[in-house]
Full PDB file with SEQRES, HELIX, SHEET, SSBOND, CRYST1, ORIGX, SCALE, CONECT and MASTER records, all heavy atoms in Angstrom:
SEQRES   1 A   44  PHE VAL PRO THR PHE GLU GLY SER ILE PHE ARG THR THR          
SEQRES   2 A   44  ASP ALA GLY ASN SER TRP VAL GLU ALA ASN THR GLY ILE          
SEQRES   3 A   44  MET HIS SER SER VAL VAL ASP LEU GLU VAL LEU GLY ASN          
SEQRES   4 A   44  ARG ILE TYR ALA PHE                                          
HELIX    1 AA1 THR A   24  ILE A   26  5                                   3    
SHEET    1 AA1 2 PHE A  10  ARG A  11  0                                        
SHEET    2 AA1 2 VAL A  20  GLU A  21 -1                                        
SHEET    1 AA2 2 LEU A  34  LEU A  37  0                                        
SHEET    2 AA2 2 ARG A  40  ALA A  43 -1                                        
CRYST1    1.000    1.000    1.000  90.00  90.00  90.00 P 1           1          
ORIGX1      1.000000  0.000000  0.000000        0.00000                         
ORIGX2      0.000000  1.000000  0.000000        0.00000                         
ORIGX3      0.000000  0.000000  1.000000        0.00000                         
SCALE1      1.000000  0.000000  0.000000        0.00000                         
SCALE2      0.000000  1.000000  0.000000        0.00000                         
SCALE3      0.000000  0.000000  1.000000        0.00000                         
ATOM      1  N   PHE A   1     -46.253  80.934 -50.522  1.00  0.00           N  
ATOM      2  CA  PHE A   1     -46.263  81.752 -49.267  1.00  0.00           C  
ATOM      3  C   PHE A   1     -46.134  83.214 -49.676  1.00  0.00           C  
ATOM      4  O   PHE A   1     -45.170  83.588 -50.348  1.00  0.00           O  
ATOM      5  CB  PHE A   1     -45.190  81.320 -48.315  1.00  0.00           C  
ATOM      6  CG  PHE A   1     -45.392  80.011 -47.736  1.00  0.00           C  
ATOM      7  CD1 PHE A   1     -44.737  78.928 -48.362  1.00  0.00           C  
ATOM      8  CD2 PHE A   1     -46.174  79.786 -46.678  1.00  0.00           C  
ATOM      9  CE1 PHE A   1     -44.897  77.660 -47.845  1.00  0.00           C  
ATOM     10  CE2 PHE A   1     -46.359  78.495 -46.147  1.00  0.00           C  
ATOM     11  CZ  PHE A   1     -45.730  77.427 -46.741  1.00  0.00           C  
ATOM     12  N   VAL A   2     -47.033  84.094 -49.215  1.00  0.00           N  
ATOM     13  CA  VAL A   2     -46.961  85.506 -49.494  1.00  0.00           C  
ATOM     14  C   VAL A   2     -46.823  86.255 -48.206  1.00  0.00           C  
ATOM     15  O   VAL A   2     -47.354  85.824 -47.157  1.00  0.00           O  
ATOM     16  CB  VAL A   2     -48.190  85.984 -50.290  1.00  0.00           C  
ATOM     17  CG1 VAL A   2     -48.299  85.340 -51.618  1.00  0.00           C  
ATOM     18  CG2 VAL A   2     -49.493  85.755 -49.480  1.00  0.00           C  
ATOM     19  N   PRO A   3     -46.039  87.315 -48.177  1.00  0.00           N  
ATOM     20  CA  PRO A   3     -45.820  88.032 -46.903  1.00  0.00           C  
ATOM     21  C   PRO A   3     -46.989  88.915 -46.544  1.00  0.00           C  
ATOM     22  O   PRO A   3     -47.498  89.676 -47.350  1.00  0.00           O  
ATOM     23  CB  PRO A   3     -44.597  88.848 -47.186  1.00  0.00           C  
ATOM     24  CG  PRO A   3     -44.573  89.091 -48.663  1.00  0.00           C  
ATOM     25  CD  PRO A   3     -45.223  87.864 -49.238  1.00  0.00           C  
ATOM     26  N   THR A   4     -47.425  88.895 -45.325  1.00  0.00           N  
ATOM     27  CA  THR A   4     -48.427  89.865 -44.771  1.00  0.00           C  
ATOM     28  C   THR A   4     -47.861  90.331 -43.463  1.00  0.00           C  
ATOM     29  O   THR A   4     -46.800  89.875 -42.985  1.00  0.00           O  
ATOM     30  CB  THR A   4     -49.799  89.211 -44.585  1.00  0.00           C  
ATOM     31  OG1 THR A   4     -49.638  88.067 -43.678  1.00  0.00           O  
ATOM     32  CG2 THR A   4     -50.406  88.747 -45.913  1.00  0.00           C  
ATOM     33  N   PHE A   5     -48.482  91.301 -42.814  1.00  0.00           N  
ATOM     34  CA  PHE A   5     -47.976  91.900 -41.632  1.00  0.00           C  
ATOM     35  C   PHE A   5     -49.037  91.862 -40.507  1.00  0.00           C  
ATOM     36  O   PHE A   5     -50.187  91.952 -40.797  1.00  0.00           O  
ATOM     37  CB  PHE A   5     -47.498  93.331 -41.859  1.00  0.00           C  
ATOM     38  CG  PHE A   5     -46.356  93.419 -42.856  1.00  0.00           C  
ATOM     39  CD1 PHE A   5     -46.585  93.597 -44.187  1.00  0.00           C  
ATOM     40  CD2 PHE A   5     -45.076  93.441 -42.326  1.00  0.00           C  
ATOM     41  CE1 PHE A   5     -45.539  93.639 -45.066  1.00  0.00           C  
ATOM     42  CE2 PHE A   5     -44.035  93.531 -43.186  1.00  0.00           C  
ATOM     43  CZ  PHE A   5     -44.248  93.656 -44.583  1.00  0.00           C  
ATOM     44  N   GLU A   6     -48.542  91.717 -39.297  1.00  0.00           N  
ATOM     45  CA  GLU A   6     -49.435  91.846 -38.142  1.00  0.00           C  
ATOM     46  C   GLU A   6     -48.736  92.702 -37.083  1.00  0.00           C  
ATOM     47  O   GLU A   6     -47.517  92.838 -37.052  1.00  0.00           O  
ATOM     48  CB  GLU A   6     -49.789  90.484 -37.579  1.00  0.00           C  
ATOM     49  CG  GLU A   6     -48.636  89.788 -36.884  1.00  0.00           C  
ATOM     50  CD  GLU A   6     -49.156  88.564 -36.115  1.00  0.00           C  
ATOM     51  OE1 GLU A   6     -50.311  88.094 -36.340  1.00  0.00           O  
ATOM     52  OE2 GLU A   6     -48.408  88.107 -35.241  1.00  0.00           O  
ATOM     53  N   GLY A   7     -49.519  93.293 -36.210  1.00  0.00           N  
ATOM     54  CA  GLY A   7     -48.916  94.187 -35.227  1.00  0.00           C  
ATOM     55  C   GLY A   7     -49.386  93.879 -33.861  1.00  0.00           C  
ATOM     56  O   GLY A   7     -50.363  93.155 -33.661  1.00  0.00           O  
ATOM     57  N   SER A   8     -48.751  94.447 -32.835  1.00  0.00           N  
ATOM     58  CA  SER A   8     -49.098  94.293 -31.461  1.00  0.00           C  
ATOM     59  C   SER A   8     -48.495  95.466 -30.680  1.00  0.00           C  
ATOM     60  O   SER A   8     -47.747  96.323 -31.236  1.00  0.00           O  
ATOM     61  CB  SER A   8     -48.608  92.971 -30.924  1.00  0.00           C  
ATOM     62  OG  SER A   8     -49.195  92.676 -29.722  1.00  0.00           O  
ATOM     63  N   ILE A   9     -48.777  95.513 -29.430  1.00  0.00           N  
ATOM     64  CA  ILE A   9     -48.246  96.538 -28.490  1.00  0.00           C  
ATOM     65  C   ILE A   9     -47.523  95.840 -27.358  1.00  0.00           C  
ATOM     66  O   ILE A   9     -48.098  94.992 -26.722  1.00  0.00           O  
ATOM     67  CB  ILE A   9     -49.283  97.494 -27.973  1.00  0.00           C  
ATOM     68  CG1 ILE A   9     -49.935  98.253 -29.176  1.00  0.00           C  
ATOM     69  CG2 ILE A   9     -48.680  98.540 -27.016  1.00  0.00           C  
ATOM     70  CD1 ILE A   9     -51.086  99.111 -28.759  1.00  0.00           C  
ATOM     71  N   PHE A  10     -46.290  96.236 -27.104  1.00  0.00           N  
ATOM     72  CA  PHE A  10     -45.542  95.715 -25.998  1.00  0.00           C  
ATOM     73  C   PHE A  10     -45.190  96.795 -24.967  1.00  0.00           C  
ATOM     74  O   PHE A  10     -45.035  97.980 -25.369  1.00  0.00           O  
ATOM     75  CB  PHE A  10     -44.253  95.031 -26.478  1.00  0.00           C  
ATOM     76  CG  PHE A  10     -44.461  93.683 -27.186  1.00  0.00           C  
ATOM     77  CD1 PHE A  10     -44.876  93.693 -28.519  1.00  0.00           C  
ATOM     78  CD2 PHE A  10     -44.319  92.475 -26.558  1.00  0.00           C  
ATOM     79  CE1 PHE A  10     -45.087  92.564 -29.188  1.00  0.00           C  
ATOM     80  CE2 PHE A  10     -44.531  91.308 -27.242  1.00  0.00           C  
ATOM     81  CZ  PHE A  10     -44.885  91.328 -28.552  1.00  0.00           C  
ATOM     82  N   ARG A  11     -45.044  96.381 -23.680  1.00  0.00           N  
ATOM     83  CA  ARG A  11     -44.695  97.388 -22.664  1.00  0.00           C  
ATOM     84  C   ARG A  11     -43.552  96.852 -21.811  1.00  0.00           C  
ATOM     85  O   ARG A  11     -43.490  95.632 -21.478  1.00  0.00           O  
ATOM     86  CB  ARG A  11     -45.924  97.609 -21.772  1.00  0.00           C  
ATOM     87  CG  ARG A  11     -45.627  98.594 -20.634  1.00  0.00           C  
ATOM     88  CD  ARG A  11     -46.868  98.684 -19.671  1.00  0.00           C  
ATOM     89  NE  ARG A  11     -47.024  97.398 -18.986  1.00  0.00           N  
ATOM     90  CZ  ARG A  11     -48.217  96.788 -18.823  1.00  0.00           C  
ATOM     91  NH1 ARG A  11     -49.292  97.350 -19.303  1.00  0.00           N  
ATOM     92  NH2 ARG A  11     -48.286  95.584 -18.119  1.00  0.00           N  
ATOM     93  N   THR A  12     -42.647  97.709 -21.441  1.00  0.00           N  
ATOM     94  CA  THR A  12     -41.601  97.380 -20.484  1.00  0.00           C  
ATOM     95  C   THR A  12     -41.739  98.336 -19.297  1.00  0.00           C  
ATOM     96  O   THR A  12     -42.047  99.550 -19.437  1.00  0.00           O  
ATOM     97  CB  THR A  12     -40.170  97.472 -21.038  1.00  0.00           C  
ATOM     98  OG1 THR A  12     -39.242  97.132 -20.031  1.00  0.00           O  
ATOM     99  CG2 THR A  12     -39.909  98.859 -21.578  1.00  0.00           C  
ATOM    100  N   THR A  13     -41.523  97.859 -18.113  1.00  0.00           N  
ATOM    101  CA  THR A  13     -41.427  98.689 -16.921  1.00  0.00           C  
ATOM    102  C   THR A  13     -40.100  98.653 -16.244  1.00  0.00           C  
ATOM    103  O   THR A  13     -39.929  99.127 -15.113  1.00  0.00           O  
ATOM    104  CB  THR A  13     -42.557  98.275 -15.873  1.00  0.00           C  
ATOM    105  OG1 THR A  13     -42.421  96.887 -15.576  1.00  0.00           O  
ATOM    106  CG2 THR A  13     -43.924  98.541 -16.466  1.00  0.00           C  
ATOM    107  N   ASP A  14     -39.126  97.969 -16.879  1.00  0.00           N  
ATOM    108  CA  ASP A  14     -37.775  97.810 -16.333  1.00  0.00           C  
ATOM    109  C   ASP A  14     -36.754  98.238 -17.312  1.00  0.00           C  
ATOM    110  O   ASP A  14     -35.688  97.592 -17.503  1.00  0.00           O  
ATOM    111  CB  ASP A  14     -37.526  96.398 -15.821  1.00  0.00           C  
ATOM    112  CG  ASP A  14     -37.800  95.372 -16.814  1.00  0.00           C  
ATOM    113  OD1 ASP A  14     -37.948  95.682 -18.012  1.00  0.00           O  
ATOM    114  OD2 ASP A  14     -37.842  94.171 -16.458  1.00  0.00           O  
ATOM    115  N   ALA A  15     -36.990  99.257 -18.086  1.00  0.00           N  
ATOM    116  CA  ALA A  15     -36.072  99.867 -19.039  1.00  0.00           C  
ATOM    117  C   ALA A  15     -35.622  98.904 -20.158  1.00  0.00           C  
ATOM    118  O   ALA A  15     -34.538  98.959 -20.677  1.00  0.00           O  
ATOM    119  CB  ALA A  15     -34.800 100.367 -18.312  1.00  0.00           C  
ATOM    120  N   GLY A  16     -36.616  98.024 -20.522  1.00  0.00           N  
ATOM    121  CA  GLY A  16     -36.342  97.138 -21.669  1.00  0.00           C  
ATOM    122  C   GLY A  16     -35.727  95.839 -21.386  1.00  0.00           C  
ATOM    123  O   GLY A  16     -35.462  95.043 -22.261  1.00  0.00           O  
ATOM    124  N   ASN A  17     -35.509  95.536 -20.061  1.00  0.00           N  
ATOM    125  CA  ASN A  17     -34.966  94.226 -19.712  1.00  0.00           C  
ATOM    126  C   ASN A  17     -36.022  93.133 -19.978  1.00  0.00           C  
ATOM    127  O   ASN A  17     -35.604  91.966 -20.334  1.00  0.00           O  
ATOM    128  CB  ASN A  17     -34.527  94.206 -18.251  1.00  0.00           C  
ATOM    129  CG  ASN A  17     -33.332  95.067 -17.958  1.00  0.00           C  
ATOM    130  OD1 ASN A  17     -32.380  95.157 -18.808  1.00  0.00           O  
ATOM    131  ND2 ASN A  17     -33.389  95.843 -16.904  1.00  0.00           N  
ATOM    132  N   SER A  18     -37.272  93.416 -19.889  1.00  0.00           N  
ATOM    133  CA  SER A  18     -38.327  92.476 -20.254  1.00  0.00           C  
ATOM    134  C   SER A  18     -39.545  93.236 -20.796  1.00  0.00           C  
ATOM    135  O   SER A  18     -39.749  94.376 -20.482  1.00  0.00           O  
ATOM    136  CB  SER A  18     -38.713  91.663 -18.967  1.00  0.00           C  
ATOM    137  OG  SER A  18     -39.289  92.443 -17.994  1.00  0.00           O  
ATOM    138  N   TRP A  19     -40.326  92.517 -21.647  1.00  0.00           N  
ATOM    139  CA  TRP A  19     -41.460  93.107 -22.271  1.00  0.00           C  
ATOM    140  C   TRP A  19     -42.649  92.170 -22.192  1.00  0.00           C  
ATOM    141  O   TRP A  19     -42.508  90.949 -22.100  1.00  0.00           O  
ATOM    142  CB  TRP A  19     -41.205  93.360 -23.769  1.00  0.00           C  
ATOM    143  CG  TRP A  19     -40.055  94.294 -24.084  1.00  0.00           C  
ATOM    144  CD1 TRP A  19     -38.697  94.020 -24.125  1.00  0.00           C  
ATOM    145  CD2 TRP A  19     -40.224  95.678 -24.374  1.00  0.00           C  
ATOM    146  NE1 TRP A  19     -38.042  95.095 -24.382  1.00  0.00           N  
ATOM    147  CE2 TRP A  19     -38.911  96.174 -24.550  1.00  0.00           C  
ATOM    148  CE3 TRP A  19     -41.292  96.548 -24.471  1.00  0.00           C  
ATOM    149  CZ2 TRP A  19     -38.619  97.515 -24.899  1.00  0.00           C  
ATOM    150  CZ3 TRP A  19     -41.066  97.844 -24.802  1.00  0.00           C  
ATOM    151  CH2 TRP A  19     -39.714  98.356 -24.989  1.00  0.00           C  
ATOM    152  N   VAL A  20     -43.847  92.779 -22.071  1.00  0.00           N  
ATOM    153  CA  VAL A  20     -45.058  91.996 -22.074  1.00  0.00           C  
ATOM    154  C   VAL A  20     -46.019  92.649 -23.057  1.00  0.00           C  
ATOM    155  O   VAL A  20     -45.949  93.899 -23.268  1.00  0.00           O  
ATOM    156  CB  VAL A  20     -45.780  91.913 -20.656  1.00  0.00           C  
ATOM    157  CG1 VAL A  20     -44.879  91.185 -19.679  1.00  0.00           C  
ATOM    158  CG2 VAL A  20     -46.048  93.320 -20.172  1.00  0.00           C  
ATOM    159  N   GLU A  21     -46.890  91.875 -23.688  1.00  0.00           N  
ATOM    160  CA  GLU A  21     -47.893  92.403 -24.576  1.00  0.00           C  
ATOM    161  C   GLU A  21     -48.923  93.222 -23.783  1.00  0.00           C  
ATOM    162  O   GLU A  21     -49.306  92.805 -22.732  1.00  0.00           O  
ATOM    163  CB  GLU A  21     -48.542  91.351 -25.391  1.00  0.00           C  
ATOM    164  CG  GLU A  21     -47.656  90.843 -26.548  1.00  0.00           C  
ATOM    165  CD  GLU A  21     -48.516  90.180 -27.636  1.00  0.00           C  
ATOM    166  OE1 GLU A  21     -48.849  89.021 -27.404  1.00  0.00           O  
ATOM    167  OE2 GLU A  21     -48.846  90.770 -28.608  1.00  0.00           O  
ATOM    168  N   ALA A  22     -49.276  94.326 -24.326  1.00  0.00           N  
ATOM    169  CA  ALA A  22     -50.257  95.251 -23.676  1.00  0.00           C  
ATOM    170  C   ALA A  22     -51.414  95.508 -24.615  1.00  0.00           C  
ATOM    171  O   ALA A  22     -51.487  96.612 -25.155  1.00  0.00           O  
ATOM    172  CB  ALA A  22     -49.550  96.525 -23.201  1.00  0.00           C  
ATOM    173  N   ASN A  23     -52.184  94.507 -24.906  1.00  0.00           N  
ATOM    174  CA  ASN A  23     -53.297  94.639 -25.853  1.00  0.00           C  
ATOM    175  C   ASN A  23     -54.621  94.409 -25.189  1.00  0.00           C  
ATOM    176  O   ASN A  23     -55.395  93.583 -25.620  1.00  0.00           O  
ATOM    177  CB  ASN A  23     -53.093  93.600 -26.988  1.00  0.00           C  
ATOM    178  CG  ASN A  23     -51.884  93.825 -27.814  1.00  0.00           C  
ATOM    179  OD1 ASN A  23     -51.785  94.853 -28.505  1.00  0.00           O  
ATOM    180  ND2 ASN A  23     -50.881  92.951 -27.695  1.00  0.00           N  
ATOM    181  N   THR A  24     -54.895  95.145 -24.148  1.00  0.00           N  
ATOM    182  CA  THR A  24     -56.189  95.048 -23.458  1.00  0.00           C  
ATOM    183  C   THR A  24     -57.299  95.219 -24.439  1.00  0.00           C  
ATOM    184  O   THR A  24     -57.467  96.161 -25.106  1.00  0.00           O  
ATOM    185  CB  THR A  24     -56.260  96.130 -22.348  1.00  0.00           C  
ATOM    186  OG1 THR A  24     -55.185  95.963 -21.420  1.00  0.00           O  
ATOM    187  CG2 THR A  24     -57.603  96.004 -21.632  1.00  0.00           C  
ATOM    188  N   GLY A  25     -58.178  94.185 -24.482  1.00  0.00           N  
ATOM    189  CA  GLY A  25     -59.301  94.196 -25.457  1.00  0.00           C  
ATOM    190  C   GLY A  25     -58.855  93.717 -26.791  1.00  0.00           C  
ATOM    191  O   GLY A  25     -59.719  93.438 -27.627  1.00  0.00           O  
ATOM    192  N   ILE A  26     -57.592  93.463 -27.018  1.00  0.00           N  
ATOM    193  CA  ILE A  26     -57.041  92.908 -28.302  1.00  0.00           C  
ATOM    194  C   ILE A  26     -57.661  93.762 -29.466  1.00  0.00           C  
ATOM    195  O   ILE A  26     -58.053  93.200 -30.470  1.00  0.00           O  
ATOM    196  CB  ILE A  26     -57.336  91.406 -28.515  1.00  0.00           C  
ATOM    197  CG1 ILE A  26     -57.333  90.686 -27.150  1.00  0.00           C  
ATOM    198  CG2 ILE A  26     -56.197  90.795 -29.343  1.00  0.00           C  
ATOM    199  CD1 ILE A  26     -57.546  89.231 -27.342  1.00  0.00           C  
ATOM    200  N   MET A  27     -57.678  94.988 -29.344  1.00  0.00           N  
ATOM    201  CA  MET A  27     -58.212  95.839 -30.388  1.00  0.00           C  
ATOM    202  C   MET A  27     -57.387  95.707 -31.662  1.00  0.00           C  
ATOM    203  O   MET A  27     -56.216  95.395 -31.614  1.00  0.00           O  
ATOM    204  CB  MET A  27     -58.214  97.325 -29.992  1.00  0.00           C  
ATOM    205  CG  MET A  27     -59.171  97.587 -28.854  1.00  0.00           C  
ATOM    206  SD  MET A  27     -60.952  97.160 -29.176  1.00  0.00           S  
ATOM    207  CE  MET A  27     -61.245  98.252 -30.485  1.00  0.00           C  
ATOM    208  N   HIS A  28     -58.036  95.868 -32.785  1.00  0.00           N  
ATOM    209  CA  HIS A  28     -57.422  95.821 -34.136  1.00  0.00           C  
ATOM    210  C   HIS A  28     -56.927  94.460 -34.500  1.00  0.00           C  
ATOM    211  O   HIS A  28     -56.145  94.326 -35.432  1.00  0.00           O  
ATOM    212  CB  HIS A  28     -56.245  96.854 -34.246  1.00  0.00           C  
ATOM    213  CG  HIS A  28     -56.654  98.173 -33.759  1.00  0.00           C  
ATOM    214  ND1 HIS A  28     -57.687  98.916 -34.331  1.00  0.00           N  
ATOM    215  CD2 HIS A  28     -56.134  98.990 -32.772  1.00  0.00           C  
ATOM    216  CE1 HIS A  28     -57.799 100.078 -33.715  1.00  0.00           C  
ATOM    217  NE2 HIS A  28     -56.890 100.161 -32.770  1.00  0.00           N  
ATOM    218  N   SER A  29     -57.379  93.390 -33.737  1.00  0.00           N  
ATOM    219  CA  SER A  29     -57.055  92.098 -34.159  1.00  0.00           C  
ATOM    220  C   SER A  29     -58.449  91.444 -34.601  1.00  0.00           C  
ATOM    221  O   SER A  29     -59.445  91.674 -34.017  1.00  0.00           O  
ATOM    222  CB  SER A  29     -56.478  91.236 -32.975  1.00  0.00           C  
ATOM    223  OG  SER A  29     -55.243  91.750 -32.636  1.00  0.00           O  
ATOM    224  N   SER A  30     -58.358  90.595 -35.583  1.00  0.00           N  
ATOM    225  CA  SER A  30     -59.523  89.896 -36.141  1.00  0.00           C  
ATOM    226  C   SER A  30     -59.679  88.622 -35.342  1.00  0.00           C  
ATOM    227  O   SER A  30     -58.922  87.658 -35.534  1.00  0.00           O  
ATOM    228  CB  SER A  30     -59.371  89.631 -37.618  1.00  0.00           C  
ATOM    229  OG  SER A  30     -60.534  88.970 -38.089  1.00  0.00           O  
ATOM    230  N   VAL A  31     -60.665  88.629 -34.453  1.00  0.00           N  
ATOM    231  CA  VAL A  31     -60.884  87.455 -33.572  1.00  0.00           C  
ATOM    232  C   VAL A  31     -61.829  86.465 -34.240  1.00  0.00           C  
ATOM    233  O   VAL A  31     -63.052  86.749 -34.338  1.00  0.00           O  
ATOM    234  CB  VAL A  31     -61.424  87.905 -32.195  1.00  0.00           C  
ATOM    235  CG1 VAL A  31     -61.636  86.713 -31.284  1.00  0.00           C  
ATOM    236  CG2 VAL A  31     -60.464  88.886 -31.579  1.00  0.00           C  
ATOM    237  N   VAL A  32     -61.354  85.342 -34.688  1.00  0.00           N  
ATOM    238  CA  VAL A  32     -62.167  84.433 -35.519  1.00  0.00           C  
ATOM    239  C   VAL A  32     -62.859  83.345 -34.601  1.00  0.00           C  
ATOM    240  O   VAL A  32     -63.780  82.741 -35.127  1.00  0.00           O  
ATOM    241  CB  VAL A  32     -61.282  83.713 -36.527  1.00  0.00           C  
ATOM    242  CG1 VAL A  32     -60.724  84.739 -37.521  1.00  0.00           C  
ATOM    243  CG2 VAL A  32     -60.127  82.943 -35.909  1.00  0.00           C  
ATOM    244  N   ASP A  33     -62.375  83.158 -33.392  1.00  0.00           N  
ATOM    245  CA  ASP A  33     -63.080  82.168 -32.577  1.00  0.00           C  
ATOM    246  C   ASP A  33     -62.867  82.549 -31.103  1.00  0.00           C  
ATOM    247  O   ASP A  33     -61.887  83.093 -30.699  1.00  0.00           O  
ATOM    248  CB  ASP A  33     -62.546  80.782 -32.858  1.00  0.00           C  
ATOM    249  CG  ASP A  33     -63.505  79.670 -32.513  1.00  0.00           C  
ATOM    250  OD1 ASP A  33     -64.604  80.009 -31.917  1.00  0.00           O  
ATOM    251  OD2 ASP A  33     -63.288  78.512 -32.731  1.00  0.00           O  
ATOM    252  N   LEU A  34     -63.876  82.191 -30.265  1.00  0.00           N  
ATOM    253  CA  LEU A  34     -63.777  82.328 -28.819  1.00  0.00           C  
ATOM    254  C   LEU A  34     -64.139  80.979 -28.227  1.00  0.00           C  
ATOM    255  O   LEU A  34     -65.005  80.231 -28.691  1.00  0.00           O  
ATOM    256  CB  LEU A  34     -64.788  83.374 -28.328  1.00  0.00           C  
ATOM    257  CG  LEU A  34     -64.548  84.821 -28.742  1.00  0.00           C  
ATOM    258  CD1 LEU A  34     -65.724  85.680 -28.412  1.00  0.00           C  
ATOM    259  CD2 LEU A  34     -63.245  85.325 -28.099  1.00  0.00           C  
ATOM    260  N   GLU A  35     -63.488  80.651 -27.130  1.00  0.00           N  
ATOM    261  CA  GLU A  35     -63.761  79.360 -26.442  1.00  0.00           C  
ATOM    262  C   GLU A  35     -63.716  79.652 -24.921  1.00  0.00           C  
ATOM    263  O   GLU A  35     -62.788  80.367 -24.498  1.00  0.00           O  
ATOM    264  CB  GLU A  35     -62.729  78.368 -26.831  1.00  0.00           C  
ATOM    265  CG  GLU A  35     -62.956  76.971 -26.224  1.00  0.00           C  
ATOM    266  CD  GLU A  35     -63.982  76.135 -26.957  1.00  0.00           C  
ATOM    267  OE1 GLU A  35     -64.177  76.377 -28.164  1.00  0.00           O  
ATOM    268  OE2 GLU A  35     -64.606  75.231 -26.352  1.00  0.00           O  
ATOM    269  N   VAL A  36     -64.611  79.035 -24.197  1.00  0.00           N  
ATOM    270  CA  VAL A  36     -64.616  79.199 -22.737  1.00  0.00           C  
ATOM    271  C   VAL A  36     -64.290  77.848 -22.103  1.00  0.00           C  
ATOM    272  O   VAL A  36     -64.793  76.781 -22.505  1.00  0.00           O  
ATOM    273  CB  VAL A  36     -66.013  79.667 -22.206  1.00  0.00           C  
ATOM    274  CG1 VAL A  36     -66.063  79.567 -20.728  1.00  0.00           C  
ATOM    275  CG2 VAL A  36     -66.259  81.065 -22.711  1.00  0.00           C  
ATOM    276  N   LEU A  37     -63.326  77.892 -21.191  1.00  0.00           N  
ATOM    277  CA  LEU A  37     -62.919  76.665 -20.475  1.00  0.00           C  
ATOM    278  C   LEU A  37     -62.624  77.056 -19.005  1.00  0.00           C  
ATOM    279  O   LEU A  37     -61.725  77.823 -18.750  1.00  0.00           O  
ATOM    280  CB  LEU A  37     -61.617  76.043 -21.124  1.00  0.00           C  
ATOM    281  CG  LEU A  37     -61.193  74.647 -20.597  1.00  0.00           C  
ATOM    282  CD1 LEU A  37     -62.336  73.682 -20.887  1.00  0.00           C  
ATOM    283  CD2 LEU A  37     -59.923  74.296 -21.251  1.00  0.00           C  
ATOM    284  N   GLY A  38     -63.440  76.545 -18.075  1.00  0.00           N  
ATOM    285  CA  GLY A  38     -63.312  76.924 -16.663  1.00  0.00           C  
ATOM    286  C   GLY A  38     -63.617  78.396 -16.542  1.00  0.00           C  
ATOM    287  O   GLY A  38     -64.621  78.871 -17.060  1.00  0.00           O  
ATOM    288  N   ASN A  39     -62.730  79.143 -15.905  1.00  0.00           N  
ATOM    289  CA  ASN A  39     -62.931  80.552 -15.644  1.00  0.00           C  
ATOM    290  C   ASN A  39     -62.171  81.446 -16.696  1.00  0.00           C  
ATOM    291  O   ASN A  39     -62.072  82.609 -16.572  1.00  0.00           O  
ATOM    292  CB  ASN A  39     -62.454  80.989 -14.241  1.00  0.00           C  
ATOM    293  CG  ASN A  39     -60.959  80.857 -14.086  1.00  0.00           C  
ATOM    294  OD1 ASN A  39     -60.326  80.069 -14.775  1.00  0.00           O  
ATOM    295  ND2 ASN A  39     -60.424  81.639 -13.140  1.00  0.00           N  
ATOM    296  N   ARG A  40     -61.667  80.762 -17.724  1.00  0.00           N  
ATOM    297  CA  ARG A  40     -60.894  81.453 -18.776  1.00  0.00           C  
ATOM    298  C   ARG A  40     -61.724  81.575 -20.000  1.00  0.00           C  
ATOM    299  O   ARG A  40     -62.542  80.703 -20.359  1.00  0.00           O  
ATOM    300  CB  ARG A  40     -59.645  80.682 -19.057  1.00  0.00           C  
ATOM    301  CG  ARG A  40     -58.527  80.739 -18.054  1.00  0.00           C  
ATOM    302  CD  ARG A  40     -57.277  80.126 -18.544  1.00  0.00           C  
ATOM    303  NE  ARG A  40     -56.161  80.251 -17.644  1.00  0.00           N  
ATOM    304  CZ  ARG A  40     -54.842  80.021 -18.012  1.00  0.00           C  
ATOM    305  NH1 ARG A  40     -54.583  79.634 -19.243  1.00  0.00           N  
ATOM    306  NH2 ARG A  40     -53.916  80.205 -17.105  1.00  0.00           N  
ATOM    307  N   ILE A  41     -61.537  82.723 -20.710  1.00  0.00           N  
ATOM    308  CA  ILE A  41     -62.034  82.825 -22.056  1.00  0.00           C  
ATOM    309  C   ILE A  41     -60.810  82.982 -23.013  1.00  0.00           C  
ATOM    310  O   ILE A  41     -59.933  83.731 -22.730  1.00  0.00           O  
ATOM    311  CB  ILE A  41     -62.996  84.047 -22.198  1.00  0.00           C  
ATOM    312  CG1 ILE A  41     -63.533  84.113 -23.607  1.00  0.00           C  
ATOM    313  CG2 ILE A  41     -62.337  85.372 -21.743  1.00  0.00           C  
ATOM    314  CD1 ILE A  41     -64.717  85.023 -23.744  1.00  0.00           C  
ATOM    315  N   TYR A  42     -60.840  82.224 -24.106  1.00  0.00           N  
ATOM    316  CA  TYR A  42     -59.774  82.210 -25.005  1.00  0.00           C  
ATOM    317  C   TYR A  42     -60.179  82.866 -26.365  1.00  0.00           C  
ATOM    318  O   TYR A  42     -61.369  82.722 -26.790  1.00  0.00           O  
ATOM    319  CB  TYR A  42     -59.328  80.759 -25.390  1.00  0.00           C  
ATOM    320  CG  TYR A  42     -58.762  80.051 -24.179  1.00  0.00           C  
ATOM    321  CD1 TYR A  42     -59.579  79.359 -23.297  1.00  0.00           C  
ATOM    322  CD2 TYR A  42     -57.392  80.085 -23.914  1.00  0.00           C  
ATOM    323  CE1 TYR A  42     -59.018  78.698 -22.162  1.00  0.00           C  
ATOM    324  CE2 TYR A  42     -56.824  79.411 -22.812  1.00  0.00           C  
ATOM    325  CZ  TYR A  42     -57.592  78.712 -21.969  1.00  0.00           C  
ATOM    326  OH  TYR A  42     -57.119  78.093 -20.862  1.00  0.00           O  
ATOM    327  N   ALA A  43     -59.300  83.680 -26.900  1.00  0.00           N  
ATOM    328  CA  ALA A  43     -59.572  84.399 -28.138  1.00  0.00           C  
ATOM    329  C   ALA A  43     -58.502  83.921 -29.161  1.00  0.00           C  
ATOM    330  O   ALA A  43     -57.265  83.886 -28.866  1.00  0.00           O  
ATOM    331  CB  ALA A  43     -59.489  85.895 -27.953  1.00  0.00           C  
ATOM    332  N   PHE A  44     -58.960  83.659 -30.391  1.00  0.00           N  
ATOM    333  CA  PHE A  44     -58.113  83.190 -31.447  1.00  0.00           C  
ATOM    334  C   PHE A  44     -58.142  84.143 -32.623  1.00  0.00           C  
ATOM    335  O   PHE A  44     -59.240  84.463 -33.124  1.00  0.00           O  
ATOM    336  CB  PHE A  44     -58.502  81.801 -31.919  1.00  0.00           C  
ATOM    337  CG  PHE A  44     -58.576  80.801 -30.682  1.00  0.00           C  
ATOM    338  CD1 PHE A  44     -59.727  80.702 -29.992  1.00  0.00           C  
ATOM    339  CD2 PHE A  44     -57.511  80.093 -30.330  1.00  0.00           C  
ATOM    340  CE1 PHE A  44     -59.852  79.864 -28.889  1.00  0.00           C  
ATOM    341  CE2 PHE A  44     -57.562  79.226 -29.247  1.00  0.00           C  
ATOM    342  CZ  PHE A  44     -58.760  79.099 -28.543  1.00  0.00           C  
TER     343      PHE A  44                                                      
MASTER        0    0    0    1    4    0    0    6  342    1    0    4          
END                                                                             
């Protein structure tokens, strides 16, 4: 096992009590597969 790094962006609107990912468009991520199921589109 070799170490690599990945990143993301998180946002809080309540002074850090909770966080959600804020990656609209999932930029800078390597999307290797897409799948559609119902009205959802999944990105992997």
